[in-house]
Amino acid sequence: MNVLLDTCALLALASGELPDGAAAALRTAPEAWVSVVSPWEVAIKAAAGKLQRMEPAFVWFLTGTRSIACSPQWRKRMRLPF
C-alpha cells in the first residue's frame, strides 16, 4: 500500500524522529507521497515560530525533502509535489 506523509510525519522523518511503526510502514510501501499542502504548512509553522530552522522554510522544504528522497533508505519511494 502506498503512503501519504502529512506535514508532521514529514518533519519527524526529516529530524530522524519518525516512530518505528511509521518508519516500518514507510519502508514497506511501494511509494510514499508528500502532500502538496506541506510546503504551505511548513511556512506557516516557521512564521508562527513553531518551527526553528536556520534557513527560510521554502529553502528547507526544497533541500530537506530532496535529501530525504535521495537517501539510500528512501530512494525510489518518495514522490514530491514538485
N, C-alpha and C. Protein backbone atom coordinates (compact mmCIF):
# COMPACT_ATOMS: atom_id res chain seq x y z
N MET A 1 0.84 -1.17 0.00
CA MET A 1 0.00 0.00 0.00
C MET A 1 0.89 1.24 0.00
N ASN A 2 0.55 2.22 -0.82
CA ASN A 2 1.27 3.48 -0.85
C ASN A 2 0.97 4.29 0.41
N VAL A 3 1.84 5.24 0.72
CA VAL A 3 1.71 6.05 1.94
C VAL A 3 1.71 7.53 1.55
N LEU A 4 0.84 8.31 2.19
CA LEU A 4 0.84 9.76 2.05
C LEU A 4 1.33 10.34 3.37
N LEU A 5 2.46 11.03 3.32
CA LEU A 5 3.01 11.64 4.54
C LEU A 5 2.36 12.99 4.77
N ASP A 6 1.82 13.19 5.96
CA ASP A 6 1.35 14.53 6.29
C ASP A 6 2.55 15.36 6.75
N THR A 7 2.31 16.60 7.03
CA THR A 7 3.42 17.51 7.35
C THR A 7 4.13 17.09 8.64
N CYS A 8 3.39 16.67 9.64
CA CYS A 8 4.02 16.24 10.90
C CYS A 8 4.92 15.03 10.68
N ALA A 9 4.45 14.07 9.88
CA ALA A 9 5.26 12.89 9.59
C ALA A 9 6.50 13.27 8.79
N LEU A 10 6.35 14.19 7.86
CA LEU A 10 7.48 14.64 7.06
C LEU A 10 8.53 15.32 7.94
N LEU A 11 8.10 16.16 8.85
CA LEU A 11 9.03 16.83 9.76
C LEU A 11 9.71 15.83 10.69
N ALA A 12 8.95 14.84 11.17
CA ALA A 12 9.54 13.80 12.02
C ALA A 12 10.56 12.98 11.24
N LEU A 13 10.25 12.66 9.99
CA LEU A 13 11.19 11.92 9.16
C LEU A 13 12.46 12.73 8.93
N ALA A 14 12.30 14.01 8.65
CA ALA A 14 13.46 14.87 8.38
C ALA A 14 14.35 15.02 9.60
N SER A 15 13.76 14.99 10.78
CA SER A 15 14.55 15.16 12.01
C SER A 15 15.01 13.82 12.59
N GLY A 16 14.64 12.73 11.95
CA GLY A 16 15.03 11.41 12.45
C GLY A 16 14.20 10.94 13.61
N GLU A 17 13.02 11.51 13.79
CA GLU A 17 12.17 11.18 14.93
C GLU A 17 10.89 10.46 14.54
N LEU A 18 10.84 9.90 13.34
CA LEU A 18 9.65 9.17 12.91
C LEU A 18 9.52 7.90 13.76
N PRO A 19 8.35 7.67 14.37
CA PRO A 19 8.17 6.48 15.21
C PRO A 19 8.46 5.19 14.42
N ASP A 20 8.89 4.17 15.13
CA ASP A 20 9.30 2.92 14.49
C ASP A 20 8.20 2.32 13.62
N GLY A 21 6.97 2.33 14.10
CA GLY A 21 5.86 1.76 13.33
C GLY A 21 5.64 2.49 12.02
N ALA A 22 5.71 3.82 12.08
CA ALA A 22 5.53 4.63 10.87
C ALA A 22 6.70 4.42 9.92
N ALA A 23 7.90 4.34 10.45
CA ALA A 23 9.08 4.10 9.60
C ALA A 23 8.99 2.74 8.93
N ALA A 24 8.49 1.74 9.65
CA ALA A 24 8.34 0.40 9.07
C ALA A 24 7.31 0.41 7.95
N ALA A 25 6.20 1.11 8.15
CA ALA A 25 5.18 1.22 7.11
C ALA A 25 5.74 1.94 5.89
N LEU A 26 6.53 2.96 6.13
CA LEU A 26 7.13 3.71 5.03
C LEU A 26 8.13 2.85 4.26
N ARG A 27 8.90 2.05 4.97
CA ARG A 27 9.88 1.17 4.31
C ARG A 27 9.22 0.12 3.43
N THR A 28 8.06 -0.36 3.83
CA THR A 28 7.41 -1.42 3.06
C THR A 28 6.48 -0.89 1.98
N ALA A 29 6.21 0.41 1.99
CA ALA A 29 5.32 1.00 0.98
C ALA A 29 6.03 1.06 -0.37
N PRO A 30 5.31 0.72 -1.45
CA PRO A 30 5.91 0.85 -2.78
C PRO A 30 6.28 2.30 -3.10
N GLU A 31 5.42 3.23 -2.68
CA GLU A 31 5.68 4.66 -2.89
C GLU A 31 5.18 5.44 -1.69
N ALA A 32 5.84 6.55 -1.43
CA ALA A 32 5.41 7.47 -0.38
C ALA A 32 5.24 8.84 -1.02
N TRP A 33 4.11 9.44 -0.80
CA TRP A 33 3.79 10.74 -1.38
C TRP A 33 3.84 11.81 -0.30
N VAL A 34 4.27 13.00 -0.69
CA VAL A 34 4.27 14.16 0.19
C VAL A 34 3.18 15.10 -0.31
N SER A 35 2.33 15.53 0.58
CA SER A 35 1.20 16.37 0.20
C SER A 35 1.66 17.70 -0.37
N VAL A 36 0.91 18.18 -1.34
CA VAL A 36 1.20 19.48 -1.93
C VAL A 36 0.96 20.61 -0.91
N VAL A 37 0.22 20.34 0.13
CA VAL A 37 -0.07 21.33 1.18
C VAL A 37 1.09 21.47 2.16
N SER A 38 1.97 20.50 2.21
CA SER A 38 3.05 20.50 3.21
C SER A 38 3.97 21.72 3.14
N PRO A 39 4.39 22.20 1.95
CA PRO A 39 5.23 23.41 1.95
C PRO A 39 4.53 24.60 2.60
N TRP A 40 3.25 24.74 2.35
CA TRP A 40 2.47 25.83 2.93
C TRP A 40 2.41 25.67 4.44
N GLU A 41 2.16 24.46 4.93
CA GLU A 41 2.10 24.23 6.37
C GLU A 41 3.45 24.45 7.04
N VAL A 42 4.53 24.07 6.39
CA VAL A 42 5.87 24.30 6.93
C VAL A 42 6.11 25.81 7.04
N ALA A 43 5.71 26.57 6.03
CA ALA A 43 5.88 28.03 6.06
C ALA A 43 5.07 28.66 7.19
N ILE A 44 3.85 28.19 7.39
CA ILE A 44 3.00 28.72 8.47
C ILE A 44 3.64 28.42 9.83
N LYS A 45 4.11 27.19 10.03
CA LYS A 45 4.75 26.83 11.30
C LYS A 45 6.00 27.68 11.54
N ALA A 46 6.79 27.89 10.50
CA ALA A 46 8.00 28.69 10.64
C ALA A 46 7.65 30.14 10.97
N ALA A 47 6.65 30.70 10.29
CA ALA A 47 6.26 32.09 10.53
C ALA A 47 5.70 32.29 11.94
N ALA A 48 5.06 31.25 12.48
CA ALA A 48 4.49 31.34 13.82
C ALA A 48 5.52 31.06 14.91
N GLY A 49 6.76 30.75 14.49
CA GLY A 49 7.81 30.47 15.46
C GLY A 49 7.75 29.06 16.04
N LYS A 50 6.95 28.19 15.44
CA LYS A 50 6.81 26.82 15.94
C LYS A 50 7.78 25.85 15.28
N LEU A 51 8.55 26.36 14.35
CA LEU A 51 9.49 25.52 13.63
C LEU A 51 10.80 26.29 13.51
N GLN A 52 11.80 25.84 14.21
CA GLN A 52 13.07 26.53 14.22
C GLN A 52 14.00 25.92 13.18
N ARG A 53 14.30 26.67 12.16
CA ARG A 53 15.21 26.24 11.10
C ARG A 53 16.19 27.37 10.83
N MET A 54 17.38 27.03 10.36
CA MET A 54 18.39 28.04 10.06
C MET A 54 18.03 28.80 8.79
N GLU A 55 17.48 28.10 7.80
CA GLU A 55 17.17 28.71 6.52
C GLU A 55 15.67 28.99 6.41
N PRO A 56 15.27 29.81 5.44
CA PRO A 56 13.83 30.04 5.25
C PRO A 56 13.09 28.72 4.99
N ALA A 57 11.81 28.69 5.32
CA ALA A 57 11.02 27.45 5.22
C ALA A 57 11.05 26.86 3.82
N PHE A 58 10.92 27.70 2.79
CA PHE A 58 10.88 27.16 1.44
C PHE A 58 12.22 26.53 1.05
N VAL A 59 13.32 27.09 1.53
CA VAL A 59 14.64 26.51 1.24
C VAL A 59 14.77 25.18 1.97
N TRP A 60 14.36 25.14 3.24
CA TRP A 60 14.41 23.88 3.97
C TRP A 60 13.57 22.82 3.27
N PHE A 61 12.37 23.20 2.86
CA PHE A 61 11.49 22.22 2.24
C PHE A 61 12.12 21.65 0.97
N LEU A 62 12.66 22.51 0.13
CA LEU A 62 13.27 22.04 -1.12
C LEU A 62 14.49 21.18 -0.86
N THR A 63 15.39 21.64 0.00
CA THR A 63 16.62 20.87 0.23
C THR A 63 16.39 19.69 1.16
N GLY A 64 15.57 19.87 2.19
CA GLY A 64 15.33 18.80 3.15
C GLY A 64 14.59 17.63 2.56
N THR A 65 13.52 17.90 1.81
CA THR A 65 12.76 16.79 1.24
C THR A 65 13.54 16.11 0.13
N ARG A 66 14.31 16.85 -0.61
CA ARG A 66 15.12 16.22 -1.66
C ARG A 66 16.21 15.34 -1.05
N SER A 67 16.79 15.77 0.07
CA SER A 67 17.82 14.93 0.69
C SER A 67 17.20 13.66 1.27
N ILE A 68 15.98 13.74 1.79
CA ILE A 68 15.29 12.54 2.26
C ILE A 68 15.02 11.61 1.07
N ALA A 69 14.49 12.18 0.00
CA ALA A 69 14.12 11.37 -1.17
C ALA A 69 15.34 10.73 -1.82
N CYS A 70 16.50 11.34 -1.67
CA CYS A 70 17.71 10.82 -2.30
C CYS A 70 18.51 9.89 -1.39
N SER A 71 18.13 9.81 -0.13
CA SER A 71 18.89 8.94 0.77
C SER A 71 18.67 7.47 0.37
N PRO A 72 19.68 6.64 0.56
CA PRO A 72 19.56 5.24 0.13
C PRO A 72 18.36 4.51 0.75
N GLN A 73 18.02 4.86 1.96
CA GLN A 73 16.92 4.17 2.65
C GLN A 73 15.57 4.44 1.98
N TRP A 74 15.38 5.65 1.46
CA TRP A 74 14.07 6.04 0.94
C TRP A 74 14.05 6.21 -0.57
N ARG A 75 15.18 6.10 -1.24
CA ARG A 75 15.25 6.32 -2.68
C ARG A 75 14.25 5.44 -3.41
N LYS A 76 13.69 5.95 -4.49
CA LYS A 76 12.72 5.28 -5.36
C LYS A 76 11.35 5.13 -4.72
N ARG A 77 11.18 5.66 -3.52
CA ARG A 77 9.87 5.57 -2.88
C ARG A 77 9.19 6.92 -2.74
N MET A 78 9.97 7.98 -2.58
CA MET A 78 9.40 9.29 -2.29
C MET A 78 8.93 9.98 -3.56
N ARG A 79 7.74 10.54 -3.53
CA ARG A 79 7.19 11.32 -4.62
C ARG A 79 6.86 12.69 -4.07
N LEU A 80 7.61 13.69 -4.52
CA LEU A 80 7.43 15.06 -4.02
C LEU A 80 6.44 15.79 -4.91
N PRO A 81 5.78 16.83 -4.37
CA PRO A 81 4.76 17.55 -5.15
C PRO A 81 5.34 18.56 -6.12
N PHE A 82 6.63 18.49 -6.41
CA PHE A 82 7.24 19.45 -7.35
C PHE A 82 8.32 18.75 -8.12
